[in-house]
All heavy atoms as atom14 arrays in JSON, in Angstrom:
{
  "sequence": "DNGTVKTFTGYRSQHNNAVGPYKGGVRFHPNVNLDEVKALSIW",
  "atom14_mask": [
    [1, 1, 1, 1, 1, 1, 1, 1, 0, 0, 0, 0, 0, 0],
    [1, 1, 1, 1, 1, 1, 1, 1, 0, 0, 0, 0, 0, 0],
    [1, 1, 1, 1, 0, 0, 0, 0, 0, 0, 0, 0, 0, 0],
    [1, 1, 1, 1, 1, 1, 1, 0, 0, 0, 0, 0, 0, 0],
    [1, 1, 1, 1, 1, 1, 1, 0, 0, 0, 0, 0, 0, 0],
    [1, 1, 1, 1, 1, 1, 1, 1, 1, 0, 0, 0, 0, 0],
    [1, 1, 1, 1, 1, 1, 1, 0, 0, 0, 0, 0, 0, 0],
    [1, 1, 1, 1, 1, 1, 1, 1, 1, 1, 1, 0, 0, 0],
    [1, 1, 1, 1, 1, 1, 1, 0, 0, 0, 0, 0, 0, 0],
    [1, 1, 1, 1, 0, 0, 0, 0, 0, 0, 0, 0, 0, 0],
    [1, 1, 1, 1, 1, 1, 1, 1, 1, 1, 1, 1, 0, 0],
    [1, 1, 1, 1, 1, 1, 1, 1, 1, 1, 1, 0, 0, 0],
    [1, 1, 1, 1, 1, 1, 0, 0, 0, 0, 0, 0, 0, 0],
    [1, 1, 1, 1, 1, 1, 1, 1, 1, 0, 0, 0, 0, 0],
    [1, 1, 1, 1, 1, 1, 1, 1, 1, 1, 0, 0, 0, 0],
    [1, 1, 1, 1, 1, 1, 1, 1, 0, 0, 0, 0, 0, 0],
    [1, 1, 1, 1, 1, 1, 1, 1, 0, 0, 0, 0, 0, 0],
    [1, 1, 1, 1, 1, 0, 0, 0, 0, 0, 0, 0, 0, 0],
    [1, 1, 1, 1, 1, 1, 1, 0, 0, 0, 0, 0, 0, 0],
    [1, 1, 1, 1, 0, 0, 0, 0, 0, 0, 0, 0, 0, 0],
    [1, 1, 1, 1, 1, 1, 1, 0, 0, 0, 0, 0, 0, 0],
    [1, 1, 1, 1, 1, 1, 1, 1, 1, 1, 1, 1, 0, 0],
    [1, 1, 1, 1, 1, 1, 1, 1, 1, 0, 0, 0, 0, 0],
    [1, 1, 1, 1, 0, 0, 0, 0, 0, 0, 0, 0, 0, 0],
    [1, 1, 1, 1, 0, 0, 0, 0, 0, 0, 0, 0, 0, 0],
    [1, 1, 1, 1, 1, 1, 1, 0, 0, 0, 0, 0, 0, 0],
    [1, 1, 1, 1, 1, 1, 1, 1, 1, 1, 1, 0, 0, 0],
    [1, 1, 1, 1, 1, 1, 1, 1, 1, 1, 1, 0, 0, 0],
    [1, 1, 1, 1, 1, 1, 1, 1, 1, 1, 0, 0, 0, 0],
    [1, 1, 1, 1, 1, 1, 1, 0, 0, 0, 0, 0, 0, 0],
    [1, 1, 1, 1, 1, 1, 1, 1, 0, 0, 0, 0, 0, 0],
    [1, 1, 1, 1, 1, 1, 1, 0, 0, 0, 0, 0, 0, 0],
    [1, 1, 1, 1, 1, 1, 1, 1, 0, 0, 0, 0, 0, 0],
    [1, 1, 1, 1, 1, 1, 1, 1, 0, 0, 0, 0, 0, 0],
    [1, 1, 1, 1, 1, 1, 1, 1, 0, 0, 0, 0, 0, 0],
    [1, 1, 1, 1, 1, 1, 1, 1, 1, 0, 0, 0, 0, 0],
    [1, 1, 1, 1, 1, 1, 1, 0, 0, 0, 0, 0, 0, 0],
    [1, 1, 1, 1, 1, 1, 1, 1, 1, 0, 0, 0, 0, 0],
    [1, 1, 1, 1, 1, 0, 0, 0, 0, 0, 0, 0, 0, 0],
    [1, 1, 1, 1, 1, 1, 1, 1, 0, 0, 0, 0, 0, 0],
    [1, 1, 1, 1, 1, 1, 0, 0, 0, 0, 0, 0, 0, 0],
    [1, 1, 1, 1, 1, 1, 1, 1, 0, 0, 0, 0, 0, 0],
    [1, 1, 1, 1, 1, 1, 1, 1, 1, 1, 1, 1, 1, 1]
  ],
  "atom14_positions": [
    [[-8.99, -26.4, 56.5], [-10.08, -27.06, 57.23], [-10.09, -26.71, 58.71], [-11.15, -26.72, 59.36], [-9.98, -28.58, 57.06], [-10.29, -29.04, 55.63], [-10.85, -28.24, 54.86], [-9.94, -30.18, 55.29], [0.0, 0.0, 0.0], [0.0, 0.0, 0.0], [0.0, 0.0, 0.0], [0.0, 0.0, 0.0], [0.0, 0.0, 0.0], [0.0, 0.0, 0.0]],
    [[-8.91, -26.41, 59.27], [-8.83, -26.09, 60.7], [-9.15, -24.62, 61.01], [-9.03, -24.18, 62.15], [-7.46, -26.46, 61.26], [-6.32, -25.65, 60.65], [-6.54, -24.7, 59.88], [-5.09, -26.03, 60.97], [0.0, 0.0, 0.0], [0.0, 0.0, 0.0], [0.0, 0.0, 0.0], [0.0, 0.0, 0.0], [0.0, 0.0, 0.0], [0.0, 0.0, 0.0]],
    [[-9.55, -23.87, 59.97], [-9.93, -22.49, 60.16], [-8.82, -21.48, 59.96], [-9.08, -20.27, 59.89], [0.0, 0.0, 0.0], [0.0, 0.0, 0.0], [0.0, 0.0, 0.0], [0.0, 0.0, 0.0], [0.0, 0.0, 0.0], [0.0, 0.0, 0.0], [0.0, 0.0, 0.0], [0.0, 0.0, 0.0], [0.0, 0.0, 0.0], [0.0, 0.0, 0.0]],
    [[-7.55, -21.94, 59.86], [-6.44, -21.03, 59.62], [-6.35, -20.67, 58.14], [-6.9, -21.38, 57.28], [-5.1, -21.65, 60.06], [-4.83, -22.83, 59.27], [-5.15, -22.01, 61.54], [0.0, 0.0, 0.0], [0.0, 0.0, 0.0], [0.0, 0.0, 0.0], [0.0, 0.0, 0.0], [0.0, 0.0, 0.0], [0.0, 0.0, 0.0], [0.0, 0.0, 0.0]],
    [[-5.67, -19.58, 57.85], [-5.48, -19.14, 56.47], [-4.02, -19.29, 56.08], [-3.12, -18.89, 56.82], [-5.93, -17.67, 56.3], [-5.56, -17.16, 54.9], [-7.43, -17.54, 56.53], [0.0, 0.0, 0.0], [0.0, 0.0, 0.0], [0.0, 0.0, 0.0], [0.0, 0.0, 0.0], [0.0, 0.0, 0.0], [0.0, 0.0, 0.0], [0.0, 0.0, 0.0]],
    [[-3.8, -19.87, 54.91], [-2.45, -20.05, 54.39], [-2.36, -19.41, 53.01], [-3.27, -19.53, 52.19], [-2.1, -21.54, 54.29], [-0.67, -21.84, 53.82], [-0.38, -23.32, 53.84], [0.99, -23.64, 53.23], [2.07, -23.19, 54.05], [0.0, 0.0, 0.0], [0.0, 0.0, 0.0], [0.0, 0.0, 0.0], [0.0, 0.0, 0.0], [0.0, 0.0, 0.0]],
    [[-1.25, -18.73, 52.78], [-1.01, -18.1, 51.49], [-0.17, -19.02, 50.61], [0.89, -19.51, 51.03], [-0.29, -16.75, 51.65], [-1.12, -15.87, 52.42], [-0.06, -16.1, 50.29], [0.0, 0.0, 0.0], [0.0, 0.0, 0.0], [0.0, 0.0, 0.0], [0.0, 0.0, 0.0], [0.0, 0.0, 0.0], [0.0, 0.0, 0.0], [0.0, 0.0, 0.0]],
    [[-0.61, -19.26, 49.39], [0.08, -20.12, 48.43], [0.66, -19.28, 47.29], [0.15, -18.21, 46.97], [-0.86, -21.18, 47.87], [-1.34, -22.16, 48.89], [-2.47, -21.89, 49.65], [-0.67, -23.34, 49.11], [-2.93, -22.79, 50.61], [-1.11, -24.25, 50.06], [-2.23, -23.97, 50.8], [0.0, 0.0, 0.0], [0.0, 0.0, 0.0], [0.0, 0.0, 0.0]],
    [[1.74, -19.81, 46.7], [2.36, -19.16, 45.55], [2.15, -20.02, 44.31], [2.41, -21.22, 44.32], [3.87, -18.95, 45.78], [4.06, -18.14, 46.95], [4.51, -18.25, 44.59], [0.0, 0.0, 0.0], [0.0, 0.0, 0.0], [0.0, 0.0, 0.0], [0.0, 0.0, 0.0], [0.0, 0.0, 0.0], [0.0, 0.0, 0.0], [0.0, 0.0, 0.0]],
    [[1.68, -19.38, 43.24], [1.49, -20.07, 41.98], [2.14, -19.31, 40.84], [2.49, -18.13, 40.96], [0.0, 0.0, 0.0], [0.0, 0.0, 0.0], [0.0, 0.0, 0.0], [0.0, 0.0, 0.0], [0.0, 0.0, 0.0], [0.0, 0.0, 0.0], [0.0, 0.0, 0.0], [0.0, 0.0, 0.0], [0.0, 0.0, 0.0], [0.0, 0.0, 0.0]],
    [[2.31, -20.01, 39.71], [2.99, -19.44, 38.55], [2.26, -19.82, 37.26], [1.6, -20.86, 37.18], [4.43, -19.95, 38.46], [5.27, -19.75, 39.69], [5.35, -20.75, 40.66], [5.98, -18.58, 39.89], [6.13, -20.58, 41.8], [6.76, -18.39, 41.03], [6.83, -19.4, 41.98], [7.6, -19.22, 43.1], [0.0, 0.0, 0.0], [0.0, 0.0, 0.0]],
    [[2.42, -18.97, 36.25], [2.04, -19.31, 34.88], [3.04, -18.64, 33.95], [3.2, -17.42, 33.94], [0.62, -18.83, 34.56], [0.1, -19.32, 33.19], [-0.14, -20.81, 33.18], [-0.5, -21.34, 31.86], [-0.57, -22.64, 31.58], [-0.31, -23.55, 32.54], [-0.9, -23.06, 30.36], [0.0, 0.0, 0.0], [0.0, 0.0, 0.0], [0.0, 0.0, 0.0]],
    [[3.72, -19.47, 33.16], [4.71, -18.98, 32.2], [4.16, -19.17, 30.79], [3.72, -20.26, 30.42], [6.03, -19.73, 32.35], [6.97, -19.33, 31.36], [0.0, 0.0, 0.0], [0.0, 0.0, 0.0], [0.0, 0.0, 0.0], [0.0, 0.0, 0.0], [0.0, 0.0, 0.0], [0.0, 0.0, 0.0], [0.0, 0.0, 0.0], [0.0, 0.0, 0.0]],
    [[4.19, -18.11, 29.99], [3.73, -18.13, 28.6], [4.94, -17.86, 27.72], [5.41, -16.74, 27.62], [2.63, -17.09, 28.4], [1.39, -17.37, 29.27], [0.34, -16.29, 29.19], [0.66, -15.12, 28.93], [-0.91, -16.63, 29.42], [0.0, 0.0, 0.0], [0.0, 0.0, 0.0], [0.0, 0.0, 0.0], [0.0, 0.0, 0.0], [0.0, 0.0, 0.0]],
    [[5.41, -18.9, 27.05], [6.69, -18.79, 26.34], [6.58, -18.14, 24.97], [7.26, -17.14, 24.69], [7.34, -20.17, 26.19], [8.6, -20.13, 25.38], [8.74, -20.78, 24.18], [9.78, -19.51, 25.6], [9.95, -20.55, 23.68], [10.6, -19.79, 24.52], [0.0, 0.0, 0.0], [0.0, 0.0, 0.0], [0.0, 0.0, 0.0], [0.0, 0.0, 0.0]],
    [[5.75, -18.69, 24.08], [5.71, -18.19, 22.71], [4.37, -18.56, 22.09], [3.92, -19.7, 22.18], [6.84, -18.82, 21.89], [6.99, -18.18, 20.51], [6.22, -18.45, 19.61], [8.01, -17.34, 20.36], [0.0, 0.0, 0.0], [0.0, 0.0, 0.0], [0.0, 0.0, 0.0], [0.0, 0.0, 0.0], [0.0, 0.0, 0.0], [0.0, 0.0, 0.0]],
    [[3.72, -17.6, 21.43], [2.43, -17.87, 20.8], [2.44, -17.55, 19.31], [1.39, -17.23, 18.73], [1.3, -17.1, 21.51], [1.45, -15.59, 21.39], [2.49, -15.09, 20.96], [0.4, -14.87, 21.77], [0.0, 0.0, 0.0], [0.0, 0.0, 0.0], [0.0, 0.0, 0.0], [0.0, 0.0, 0.0], [0.0, 0.0, 0.0], [0.0, 0.0, 0.0]],
    [[3.6, -17.66, 18.69], [3.7, -17.38, 17.26], [2.88, -18.38, 16.44], [2.25, -18.01, 15.44], [5.16, -17.41, 16.81], [0.0, 0.0, 0.0], [0.0, 0.0, 0.0], [0.0, 0.0, 0.0], [0.0, 0.0, 0.0], [0.0, 0.0, 0.0], [0.0, 0.0, 0.0], [0.0, 0.0, 0.0], [0.0, 0.0, 0.0], [0.0, 0.0, 0.0]],
    [[2.87, -19.64, 16.86], [2.16, -20.69, 16.12], [0.69, -20.77, 16.52], [-0.17, -21.14, 15.72], [2.86, -22.05, 16.33], [2.06, -23.19, 15.7], [4.26, -22.01, 15.73], [0.0, 0.0, 0.0], [0.0, 0.0, 0.0], [0.0, 0.0, 0.0], [0.0, 0.0, 0.0], [0.0, 0.0, 0.0], [0.0, 0.0, 0.0], [0.0, 0.0, 0.0]],
    [[0.39, -20.44, 17.79], [-0.98, -20.54, 18.28], [-1.02, -20.24, 19.77], [-0.02, -19.82, 20.37], [0.0, 0.0, 0.0], [0.0, 0.0, 0.0], [0.0, 0.0, 0.0], [0.0, 0.0, 0.0], [0.0, 0.0, 0.0], [0.0, 0.0, 0.0], [0.0, 0.0, 0.0], [0.0, 0.0, 0.0], [0.0, 0.0, 0.0], [0.0, 0.0, 0.0]],
    [[-2.19, -20.43, 20.41], [-2.33, -20.12, 21.84], [-1.33, -20.88, 22.7], [-0.86, -21.97, 22.33], [-3.77, -20.57, 22.15], [-4.46, -20.65, 20.84], [-3.42, -20.98, 19.83], [0.0, 0.0, 0.0], [0.0, 0.0, 0.0], [0.0, 0.0, 0.0], [0.0, 0.0, 0.0], [0.0, 0.0, 0.0], [0.0, 0.0, 0.0], [0.0, 0.0, 0.0]],
    [[-1.0, -20.31, 23.85], [-0.14, -21.0, 24.8], [-0.84, -22.28, 25.29], [-2.04, -22.31, 25.48], [0.19, -20.12, 26.01], [0.74, -18.75, 25.67], [-0.07, -17.62, 25.77], [2.05, -18.59, 25.24], [0.43, -16.36, 25.47], [2.55, -17.33, 24.93], [1.73, -16.22, 25.04], [2.22, -14.97, 24.74], [0.0, 0.0, 0.0], [0.0, 0.0, 0.0]],
    [[-0.05, -23.31, 25.54], [-0.62, -24.6, 25.98], [0.34, -25.3, 26.92], [1.52, -25.4, 26.63], [-0.89, -25.5, 24.76], [-1.57, -26.83, 25.14], [-3.04, -26.61, 25.36], [-3.77, -27.84, 25.82], [-3.58, -28.05, 27.28], [0.0, 0.0, 0.0], [0.0, 0.0, 0.0], [0.0, 0.0, 0.0], [0.0, 0.0, 0.0], [0.0, 0.0, 0.0]],
    [[-0.14, -25.77, 28.04], [0.73, -26.52, 28.94], [0.09, -26.75, 30.29], [-0.86, -26.05, 30.69], [0.0, 0.0, 0.0], [0.0, 0.0, 0.0], [0.0, 0.0, 0.0], [0.0, 0.0, 0.0], [0.0, 0.0, 0.0], [0.0, 0.0, 0.0], [0.0, 0.0, 0.0], [0.0, 0.0, 0.0], [0.0, 0.0, 0.0], [0.0, 0.0, 0.0]],
    [[0.59, -27.72, 31.01], [-0.02, -28.2, 32.24], [0.18, -27.32, 33.45], [0.9, -26.33, 33.43], [0.0, 0.0, 0.0], [0.0, 0.0, 0.0], [0.0, 0.0, 0.0], [0.0, 0.0, 0.0], [0.0, 0.0, 0.0], [0.0, 0.0, 0.0], [0.0, 0.0, 0.0], [0.0, 0.0, 0.0], [0.0, 0.0, 0.0], [0.0, 0.0, 0.0]],
    [[-0.5, -27.73, 34.52], [-0.36, -27.12, 35.84], [0.01, -28.23, 36.81], [-0.68, -29.24, 36.89], [-1.68, -26.47, 36.3], [-1.53, -25.93, 37.72], [-2.1, -25.36, 35.35], [0.0, 0.0, 0.0], [0.0, 0.0, 0.0], [0.0, 0.0, 0.0], [0.0, 0.0, 0.0], [0.0, 0.0, 0.0], [0.0, 0.0, 0.0], [0.0, 0.0, 0.0]],
    [[1.12, -28.06, 37.53], [1.56, -29.08, 38.47], [1.47, -28.61, 39.91], [1.63, -27.41, 40.19], [2.98, -29.56, 38.16], [4.06, -28.5, 38.18], [5.45, -29.09, 37.92], [5.54, -29.89, 36.72], [6.6, -30.59, 36.33], [7.7, -30.53, 37.04], [6.58, -31.31, 35.22], [0.0, 0.0, 0.0], [0.0, 0.0, 0.0], [0.0, 0.0, 0.0]],
    [[1.2, -29.53, 40.81], [1.24, -29.29, 42.25], [2.45, -30.05, 42.8], [2.47, -31.29, 42.8], [-0.03, -29.82, 42.95], [-1.29, -29.06, 42.67], [-2.5, -29.47, 43.24], [-1.31, -27.93, 41.86], [-3.67, -28.78, 43.01], [-2.49, -27.23, 41.61], [-3.66, -27.67, 42.19], [0.0, 0.0, 0.0], [0.0, 0.0, 0.0], [0.0, 0.0, 0.0]],
    [[3.45, -29.33, 43.25], [4.64, -30.01, 43.76], [5.41, -29.06, 44.66], [5.46, -27.85, 44.38], [5.54, -30.48, 42.6], [6.55, -31.49, 42.98], [7.78, -31.16, 43.5], [6.53, -32.85, 42.95], [8.46, -32.25, 43.76], [7.73, -33.3, 43.41], [0.0, 0.0, 0.0], [0.0, 0.0, 0.0], [0.0, 0.0, 0.0], [0.0, 0.0, 0.0]],
    [[6.02, -29.58, 45.73], [6.75, -28.68, 46.64], [7.94, -27.98, 46.01], [8.4, -26.96, 46.53], [7.19, -29.62, 47.78], [7.03, -31.0, 47.27], [5.95, -30.96, 46.24], [0.0, 0.0, 0.0], [0.0, 0.0, 0.0], [0.0, 0.0, 0.0], [0.0, 0.0, 0.0], [0.0, 0.0, 0.0], [0.0, 0.0, 0.0], [0.0, 0.0, 0.0]],
    [[8.45, -28.52, 44.89], [9.63, -27.92, 44.26], [9.3, -26.98, 43.11], [10.2, -26.5, 42.41], [10.59, -29.01, 43.77], [11.18, -29.83, 44.9], [11.32, -29.34, 46.02], [11.51, -31.08, 44.63], [0.0, 0.0, 0.0], [0.0, 0.0, 0.0], [0.0, 0.0, 0.0], [0.0, 0.0, 0.0], [0.0, 0.0, 0.0], [0.0, 0.0, 0.0]],
    [[8.02, -26.73, 42.87], [7.65, -25.8, 41.8], [8.24, -24.43, 42.07], [8.13, -23.89, 43.17], [6.11, -25.68, 41.68], [5.73, -24.5, 40.8], [5.52, -26.96, 41.11], [0.0, 0.0, 0.0], [0.0, 0.0, 0.0], [0.0, 0.0, 0.0], [0.0, 0.0, 0.0], [0.0, 0.0, 0.0], [0.0, 0.0, 0.0], [0.0, 0.0, 0.0]],
    [[8.92, -23.88, 41.07], [9.49, -22.54, 41.2], [9.47, -21.86, 39.84], [9.1, -22.46, 38.82], [10.91, -22.58, 41.79], [11.87, -23.4, 40.95], [12.08, -23.12, 39.77], [12.44, -24.43, 41.53], [0.0, 0.0, 0.0], [0.0, 0.0, 0.0], [0.0, 0.0, 0.0], [0.0, 0.0, 0.0], [0.0, 0.0, 0.0], [0.0, 0.0, 0.0]],
    [[9.9, -20.61, 39.82], [9.83, -19.79, 38.61], [10.65, -20.37, 37.47], [10.17, -20.48, 36.34], [10.28, -18.37, 38.93], [10.01, -17.3, 37.87], [8.53, -17.2, 37.58], [10.54, -15.94, 38.34], [0.0, 0.0, 0.0], [0.0, 0.0, 0.0], [0.0, 0.0, 0.0], [0.0, 0.0, 0.0], [0.0, 0.0, 0.0], [0.0, 0.0, 0.0]],
    [[11.89, -20.76, 37.75], [12.75, -21.28, 36.69], [12.21, -22.58, 36.13], [12.35, -22.86, 34.93], [14.18, -21.47, 37.2], [14.99, -20.19, 37.15], [14.48, -19.17, 36.63], [16.15, -20.18, 37.62], [0.0, 0.0, 0.0], [0.0, 0.0, 0.0], [0.0, 0.0, 0.0], [0.0, 0.0, 0.0], [0.0, 0.0, 0.0], [0.0, 0.0, 0.0]],
    [[11.59, -23.4, 36.98], [11.05, -24.66, 36.51], [9.92, -24.41, 35.5], [9.91, -25.0, 34.41], [10.53, -25.5, 37.67], [9.97, -26.85, 37.22], [9.37, -27.66, 38.34], [8.43, -27.16, 38.99], [9.81, -28.79, 38.56], [0.0, 0.0, 0.0], [0.0, 0.0, 0.0], [0.0, 0.0, 0.0], [0.0, 0.0, 0.0], [0.0, 0.0, 0.0]],
    [[8.96, -23.56, 35.84], [7.83, -23.35, 34.93], [8.27, -22.63, 33.66], [7.71, -22.86, 32.58], [6.65, -22.62, 35.61], [6.08, -23.45, 36.74], [7.02, -21.25, 36.09], [0.0, 0.0, 0.0], [0.0, 0.0, 0.0], [0.0, 0.0, 0.0], [0.0, 0.0, 0.0], [0.0, 0.0, 0.0], [0.0, 0.0, 0.0], [0.0, 0.0, 0.0]],
    [[9.29, -21.77, 33.76], [9.82, -21.11, 32.56], [10.42, -22.15, 31.61], [10.18, -22.12, 30.4], [10.86, -20.06, 32.94], [10.25, -18.79, 33.54], [11.26, -17.97, 34.33], [12.32, -17.34, 33.45], [13.22, -16.44, 34.26], [0.0, 0.0, 0.0], [0.0, 0.0, 0.0], [0.0, 0.0, 0.0], [0.0, 0.0, 0.0], [0.0, 0.0, 0.0]],
    [[11.19, -23.07, 32.17], [11.78, -24.14, 31.36], [10.71, -25.01, 30.73], [10.76, -25.33, 29.54], [12.72, -24.99, 32.21], [0.0, 0.0, 0.0], [0.0, 0.0, 0.0], [0.0, 0.0, 0.0], [0.0, 0.0, 0.0], [0.0, 0.0, 0.0], [0.0, 0.0, 0.0], [0.0, 0.0, 0.0], [0.0, 0.0, 0.0], [0.0, 0.0, 0.0]],
    [[9.74, -25.4, 31.54], [8.68, -26.28, 31.05], [7.87, -25.61, 29.95], [7.41, -26.28, 29.02], [7.78, -26.71, 32.22], [8.44, -27.65, 33.24], [7.61, -27.72, 34.52], [8.62, -29.04, 32.66], [0.0, 0.0, 0.0], [0.0, 0.0, 0.0], [0.0, 0.0, 0.0], [0.0, 0.0, 0.0], [0.0, 0.0, 0.0], [0.0, 0.0, 0.0]],
    [[7.71, -24.3, 30.03], [6.96, -23.59, 28.98], [7.75, -23.58, 27.67], [7.17, -23.67, 26.58], [6.6, -22.17, 29.42], [7.74, -21.33, 29.51], [0.0, 0.0, 0.0], [0.0, 0.0, 0.0], [0.0, 0.0, 0.0], [0.0, 0.0, 0.0], [0.0, 0.0, 0.0], [0.0, 0.0, 0.0], [0.0, 0.0, 0.0], [0.0, 0.0, 0.0]],
    [[9.09, -23.46, 27.76], [9.93, -23.56, 26.56], [9.77, -24.94, 25.94], [9.57, -25.08, 24.72], [11.41, -23.28, 26.89], [11.6, -21.82, 27.31], [12.3, -23.61, 25.69], [13.02, -21.48, 27.75], [0.0, 0.0, 0.0], [0.0, 0.0, 0.0], [0.0, 0.0, 0.0], [0.0, 0.0, 0.0], [0.0, 0.0, 0.0], [0.0, 0.0, 0.0]],
    [[9.87, -25.97, 26.78], [9.75, -27.34, 26.28], [8.38, -27.58, 25.64], [8.26, -28.34, 24.7], [10.02, -28.34, 27.41], [11.47, -28.4, 27.81], [12.54, -28.24, 26.97], [12.01, -28.63, 29.1], [13.72, -28.35, 27.68], [13.42, -28.59, 29.0], [11.45, -28.86, 30.36], [14.27, -28.79, 30.09], [12.28, -29.05, 31.45], [13.69, -29.02, 31.31]]
  ]
}
């Protein structure tokens, strides 16, 4: 809003689609990282 530009990092982990399409949420949190989304996709 103040006119500056900020770069954000996002992730999408696709674990397994043997049974059907990948399915899972998207979270906004300061601690989001690669290992977290990989784990959550397994779960």
